[in-house]
PDB file of N, CA and C in Angstrom:
ATOM      1  N   MET A   1     132.107  91.052  89.374  1.00  0.00           N
ATOM      2  CA  MET A   1     132.859  92.258  89.377  1.00  0.00           C
ATOM      3  C   MET A   1     132.132  93.411  90.133  1.00  0.00           C
ATOM      4  N   THR A   2     132.832  94.097  90.957  1.00  0.00           N
ATOM      5  CA  THR A   2     132.219  95.198  91.730  1.00  0.00           C
ATOM      6  C   THR A   2     132.175  96.477  90.863  1.00  0.00           C
ATOM      7  N   THR A   3     130.981  97.080  90.854  1.00  0.00           N
ATOM      8  CA  THR A   3     130.808  98.338  90.059  1.00  0.00           C
ATOM      9  C   THR A   3     131.237  99.458  90.967  1.00  0.00           C
ATOM     10  N   ARG A   4     131.542 100.675  90.214  1.00  0.00           N
ATOM     11  CA  ARG A   4     131.965 101.881  90.954  1.00  0.00           C
ATOM     12  C   ARG A   4     130.913 102.376  92.008  1.00  0.00           C
ATOM     13  N   GLN A   5     129.666 102.217  91.619  1.00  0.00           N
ATOM     14  CA  GLN A   5     128.579 102.641  92.537  1.00  0.00           C
ATOM     15  C   GLN A   5     128.554 101.846  93.849  1.00  0.00           C
ATOM     16  N   GLU A   6     128.976 100.612  93.787  1.00  0.00           N
ATOM     17  CA  GLU A   6     128.956  99.758  94.970  1.00  0.00           C
ATOM     18  C   GLU A   6     130.110 100.098  95.898  1.00  0.00           C
ATOM     19  N   LEU A   7     131.106 100.850  95.423  1.00  0.00           N
ATOM     20  CA  LEU A   7     132.309 101.102  96.206  1.00  0.00           C
ATOM     21  C   LEU A   7     132.259 102.393  96.969  1.00  0.00           C
ATOM     22  N   HIS A   8     131.387 103.289  96.607  1.00  0.00           N
ATOM     23  CA  HIS A   8     131.369 104.582  97.249  1.00  0.00           C
ATOM     24  C   HIS A   8     130.492 104.634  98.518  1.00  0.00           C
ATOM     25  N   ARG A   9     130.720 105.641  99.379  1.00  0.00           N
ATOM     26  CA  ARG A   9     129.914 105.819 100.535  1.00  0.00           C
ATOM     27  C   ARG A   9     128.792 106.791 100.101  1.00  0.00           C
ATOM     28  N   HIS A  10     127.592 106.467 100.380  1.00  0.00           N
ATOM     29  CA  HIS A  10     126.517 107.403 100.026  1.00  0.00           C
ATOM     30  C   HIS A  10     126.434 108.583 100.875  1.00  0.00           C
ATOM     31  N   ARG A  11     126.112 109.648 100.277  1.00  0.00           N
ATOM     32  CA  ARG A  11     125.897 110.926 100.939  1.00  0.00           C
ATOM     33  C   ARG A  11     124.403 111.297 100.725  1.00  0.00           C
ATOM     34  N   TRP A  12     123.492 110.922 101.632  1.00  0.00           N
ATOM     35  CA  TRP A  12     122.122 111.094 101.444  1.00  0.00           C
ATOM     36  C   TRP A  12     121.706 112.509 101.732  1.00  0.00           C
ATOM     37  N   ARG A  13     120.909 113.011 100.741  1.00  0.00           N
ATOM     38  CA  ARG A  13     120.294 114.392 100.851  1.00  0.00           C
ATOM     39  C   ARG A  13     118.821 114.260 100.964  1.00  0.00           C
ATOM     40  N   VAL A  14     118.173 115.000 101.834  1.00  0.00           N
ATOM     41  CA  VAL A  14     116.736 114.959 101.971  1.00  0.00           C
ATOM     42  C   VAL A  14     116.086 115.654 100.799  1.00  0.00           C
ATOM     43  N   ALA A  15     115.319 114.924 100.048  1.00  0.00           N
ATOM     44  CA  ALA A  15     114.590 115.554  98.943  1.00  0.00           C
ATOM     45  C   ALA A  15     113.253 116.159  99.391  1.00  0.00           C
ATOM     46  N   SER A  16     112.591 115.391 100.317  1.00  0.00           N
ATOM     47  CA  SER A  16     111.379 115.786 100.819  1.00  0.00           C
ATOM     48  C   SER A  16     111.016 114.979 102.117  1.00  0.00           C
ATOM     49  N   SER A  17     110.178 115.537 102.956  1.00  0.00           N
ATOM     50  CA  SER A  17     109.785 114.726 104.134  1.00  0.00           C
ATOM     51  C   SER A  17     108.302 115.099 104.381  1.00  0.00           C
ATOM     52  N   HIS A  18     107.531 114.179 104.909  1.00  0.00           N
ATOM     53  CA  HIS A  18     106.137 114.264 105.092  1.00  0.00           C
ATOM     54  C   HIS A  18     105.659 113.671 106.394  1.00  0.00           C
ATOM     55  N   PRO A  19     104.946 114.352 107.254  1.00  0.00           N
ATOM     56  CA  PRO A  19     104.403 113.738 108.432  1.00  0.00           C
ATOM     57  C   PRO A  19     103.241 112.791 107.990  1.00  0.00           C
ATOM     58  N   VAL A  20     103.250 111.624 108.574  1.00  0.00           N
ATOM     59  CA  VAL A  20     102.280 110.583 108.326  1.00  0.00           C
ATOM     60  C   VAL A  20     101.793 110.096 109.677  1.00  0.00           C
ATOM     61  N   SER A  21     100.769 109.307 109.713  1.00  0.00           N
ATOM     62  CA  SER A  21     100.146 108.839 110.949  1.00  0.00           C
ATOM     63  C   SER A  21     101.118 108.062 111.850  1.00  0.00           C
ATOM     64  N   GLU A  22     102.085 107.371 111.236  1.00  0.00           N
ATOM     65  CA  GLU A  22     103.149 106.597 112.009  1.00  0.00           C
ATOM     66  C   GLU A  22     104.358 107.360 112.378  1.00  0.00           C
ATOM     67  N   GLY A  23     104.484 108.621 111.960  1.00  0.00           N
ATOM     68  CA  GLY A  23     105.719 109.362 112.187  1.00  0.00           C
ATOM     69  C   GLY A  23     106.128 110.336 111.006  1.00  0.00           C
ATOM     70  N   LEU A  24     107.334 110.254 110.660  1.00  0.00           N
ATOM     71  CA  LEU A  24     107.816 111.119 109.561  1.00  0.00           C
ATOM     72  C   LEU A  24     108.442 110.278 108.474  1.00  0.00           C
ATOM     73  N   LEU A  25     108.003 110.448 107.233  1.00  0.00           N
ATOM     74  CA  LEU A  25     108.505 109.753 106.097  1.00  0.00           C
ATOM     75  C   LEU A  25     109.350 110.621 105.292  1.00  0.00           C
ATOM     76  N   THR A  26     110.612 110.198 104.943  1.00  0.00           N
ATOM     77  CA  THR A  26     111.587 111.026 104.324  1.00  0.00           C
ATOM     78  C   THR A  26     112.059 110.323 103.025  1.00  0.00           C
ATOM     79  N   TYR A  27     112.134 111.164 101.933  1.00  0.00           N
ATOM     80  CA  TYR A  27     112.731 110.686 100.672  1.00  0.00           C
ATOM     81  C   TYR A  27     114.070 111.209 100.521  1.00  0.00           C
ATOM     82  N   GLN A  28     115.104 110.407 100.281  1.00  0.00           N
ATOM     83  CA  GLN A  28     116.454 110.850 100.274  1.00  0.00           C
ATOM     84  C   GLN A  28     117.125 110.355  98.936  1.00  0.00           C
ATOM     85  N   SER A  29     118.052 111.196  98.412  1.00  0.00           N
ATOM     86  CA  SER A  29     118.800 110.840  97.213  1.00  0.00           C
ATOM     87  C   SER A  29     120.245 110.998  97.418  1.00  0.00           C
ATOM     88  N   CYS A  30     120.975 110.280  96.674  1.00  0.00           N
ATOM     89  CA  CYS A  30     122.481 110.312  96.667  1.00  0.00           C
ATOM     90  C   CYS A  30     122.899 110.806  95.321  1.00  0.00           C
ATOM     91  N   ALA A  31     124.060 111.381  95.286  1.00  0.00           N
ATOM     92  CA  ALA A  31     124.608 111.951  93.976  1.00  0.00           C
ATOM     93  C   ALA A  31     124.810 110.832  92.881  1.00  0.00           C
ATOM     94  N   CYS A  32     124.938 109.575  93.341  1.00  0.00           N
ATOM     95  CA  CYS A  32     125.143 108.450  92.462  1.00  0.00           C
ATOM     96  C   CYS A  32     123.844 108.050  91.664  1.00  0.00           C
ATOM     97  N   GLY A  33     122.720 108.683  92.164  1.00  0.00           N
ATOM     98  CA  GLY A  33     121.389 108.380  91.442  1.00  0.00           C
ATOM     99  C   GLY A  33     120.554 107.440  92.313  1.00  0.00           C
ATOM    100  N   GLN A  34     121.016 106.891  93.385  1.00  0.00           N
ATOM    101  CA  GLN A  34     120.118 105.984  94.159  1.00  0.00           C
ATOM    102  C   GLN A  34     119.232 106.796  95.056  1.00  0.00           C
ATOM    103  N   TRP A  35     118.053 106.266  95.416  1.00  0.00           N
ATOM    104  CA  TRP A  35     117.147 106.883  96.299  1.00  0.00           C
ATOM    105  C   TRP A  35     116.759 105.863  97.411  1.00  0.00           C
ATOM    106  N   ARG A  36     116.392 106.427  98.517  1.00  0.00           N
ATOM    107  CA  ARG A  36     115.858 105.630  99.623  1.00  0.00           C
ATOM    108  C   ARG A  36     114.750 106.372 100.370  1.00  0.00           C
ATOM    109  N   VAL A  37     113.885 105.577 100.972  1.00  0.00           N
ATOM    110  CA  VAL A  37     112.833 106.113 101.814  1.00  0.00           C
ATOM    111  C   VAL A  37     113.052 105.680 103.227  1.00  0.00           C
ATOM    112  N   THR A  38     113.058 106.569 104.142  1.00  0.00           N
ATOM    113  CA  THR A  38     113.222 106.239 105.572  1.00  0.00           C
ATOM    114  C   THR A  38     111.973 106.749 106.340  1.00  0.00           C
ATOM    115  N   SER A  39     111.768 106.106 107.479  1.00  0.00           N
ATOM    116  CA  SER A  39     110.623 106.531 108.356  1.00  0.00           C
ATOM    117  C   SER A  39     111.184 106.606 109.768  1.00  0.00           C
ATOM    118  N   THR A  40     110.613 107.632 110.484  1.00  0.00           N
ATOM    119  CA  THR A  40     110.950 107.776 111.896  1.00  0.00           C
ATOM    120  C   THR A  40     109.653 107.652 112.703  1.00  0.00           C
ATOM    121  N   PRO A  41     109.626 106.909 113.711  1.00  0.00           N
ATOM    122  CA  PRO A  41     108.451 106.750 114.547  1.00  0.00           C
ATOM    123  C   PRO A  41     107.981 108.100 115.128  1.00  0.00           C
ATOM    124  N   LEU A  42     106.719 108.227 115.402  1.00  0.00           N
ATOM    125  CA  LEU A  42     106.130 109.492 115.912  1.00  0.00           C
ATOM    126  C   LEU A  42     106.832 109.900 117.179  1.00  0.00           C
ATOM    127  N   HIS A  43     107.147 109.058 118.138  1.00  0.00           N
ATOM    128  CA  HIS A  43     107.904 109.397 119.291  1.00  0.00           C
ATOM    129  C   HIS A  43     109.092 108.545 119.539  1.00  0.00           C
ATOM    130  N   PRO A  44     110.151 108.782 118.816  1.00  0.00           N
ATOM    131  CA  PRO A  44     111.335 107.904 118.936  1.00  0.00           C
ATOM    132  C   PRO A  44     112.141 108.147 120.212  1.00  0.00           C
ATOM    133  N   VAL A  45     112.087 107.179 121.101  1.00  0.00           N
ATOM    134  CA  VAL A  45     112.889 107.229 122.304  1.00  0.00           C
ATOM    135  C   VAL A  45     113.598 105.909 122.472  1.00  0.00           C
ATOM    136  N   ALA A  46     114.852 105.871 122.052  1.00  0.00           N
ATOM    137  CA  ALA A  46     115.617 104.578 122.129  1.00  0.00           C
ATOM    138  C   ALA A  46     116.084 104.322 123.510  1.00  0.00           C
ATOM    139  N   HIS A  47     116.366 105.325 124.302  1.00  0.00           N
ATOM    140  CA  HIS A  47     116.862 105.200 125.658  1.00  0.00           C
ATOM    141  C   HIS A  47     116.010 106.077 126.583  1.00  0.00           C
ATOM    142  N   PRO A  48     114.897 105.648 127.082  1.00  0.00           N
ATOM    143  CA  PRO A  48     114.053 106.454 127.873  1.00  0.00           C
ATOM    144  C   PRO A  48     114.752 107.059 129.092  1.00  0.00           C
ATOM    145  N   ASP A  49     115.726 106.407 129.693  1.00  0.00           N
ATOM    146  CA  ASP A  49     116.463 106.966 130.836  1.00  0.00           C
ATOM    147  C   ASP A  49     117.209 108.224 130.482  1.00  0.00           C
ATOM    148  N   LEU A  50     117.743 108.269 129.252  1.00  0.00           N
ATOM    149  CA  LEU A  50     118.539 109.407 128.793  1.00  0.00           C
ATOM    150  C   LEU A  50     117.653 110.579 128.410  1.00  0.00           C
ATOM    151  N   ALA A  51     116.358 110.299 128.085  1.00  0.00           N
ATOM    152  CA  ALA A  51     115.421 111.297 127.693  1.00  0.00           C
ATOM    153  C   ALA A  51     114.838 112.077 128.796  1.00  0.00           C
ATOM    154  N   ARG A  52     114.966 111.543 130.052  1.00  0.00           N
ATOM    155  CA  ARG A  52     114.365 112.208 131.260  1.00  0.00           C
ATOM    156  C   ARG A  52     115.143 113.485 131.576  1.00  0.00           C
ATOM    157  N   THR A  53     114.478 114.396 132.040  1.00  0.00           N
ATOM    158  CA  THR A  53     115.075 115.650 132.507  1.00  0.00           C
ATOM    159  C   THR A  53     114.842 115.891 133.941  1.00  0.00           C
ATOM    160  N   ARG A  54     115.736 116.602 134.637  1.00  0.00           N
ATOM    161  CA  ARG A  54     115.578 116.834 136.022  1.00  0.00           C
ATOM    162  C   ARG A  54     114.874 118.122 136.234  1.00  0.00           C
ATOM    163  N   ALA A  55     113.879 118.253 137.128  1.00  0.00           N
ATOM    164  CA  ALA A  55     113.300 119.538 137.501  1.00  0.00           C
ATOM    165  C   ALA A  55     114.172 120.166 138.557  1.00  0.00           C
ATOM    166  N   LYS A  56     114.406 121.516 138.438  1.00  0.00           N
ATOM    167  CA  LYS A  56     115.194 122.185 139.494  1.00  0.00           C
ATOM    168  C   LYS A  56     114.364 123.003 140.305  1.00  0.00           C
TER     169      LYS A  56
END
């Protein structure tokens, strides 16, 4: 049987974030009571070609 918590879309809210040697560590909570921890690399560049800028 599926519970009500499994049916809703989470709306994550940042509770706190902390710079660490590997990047940024973020603690997030949802109104349903669940928590998660996410990390972002120090220099996140998924598409280097899009990150380039033109000098004028």
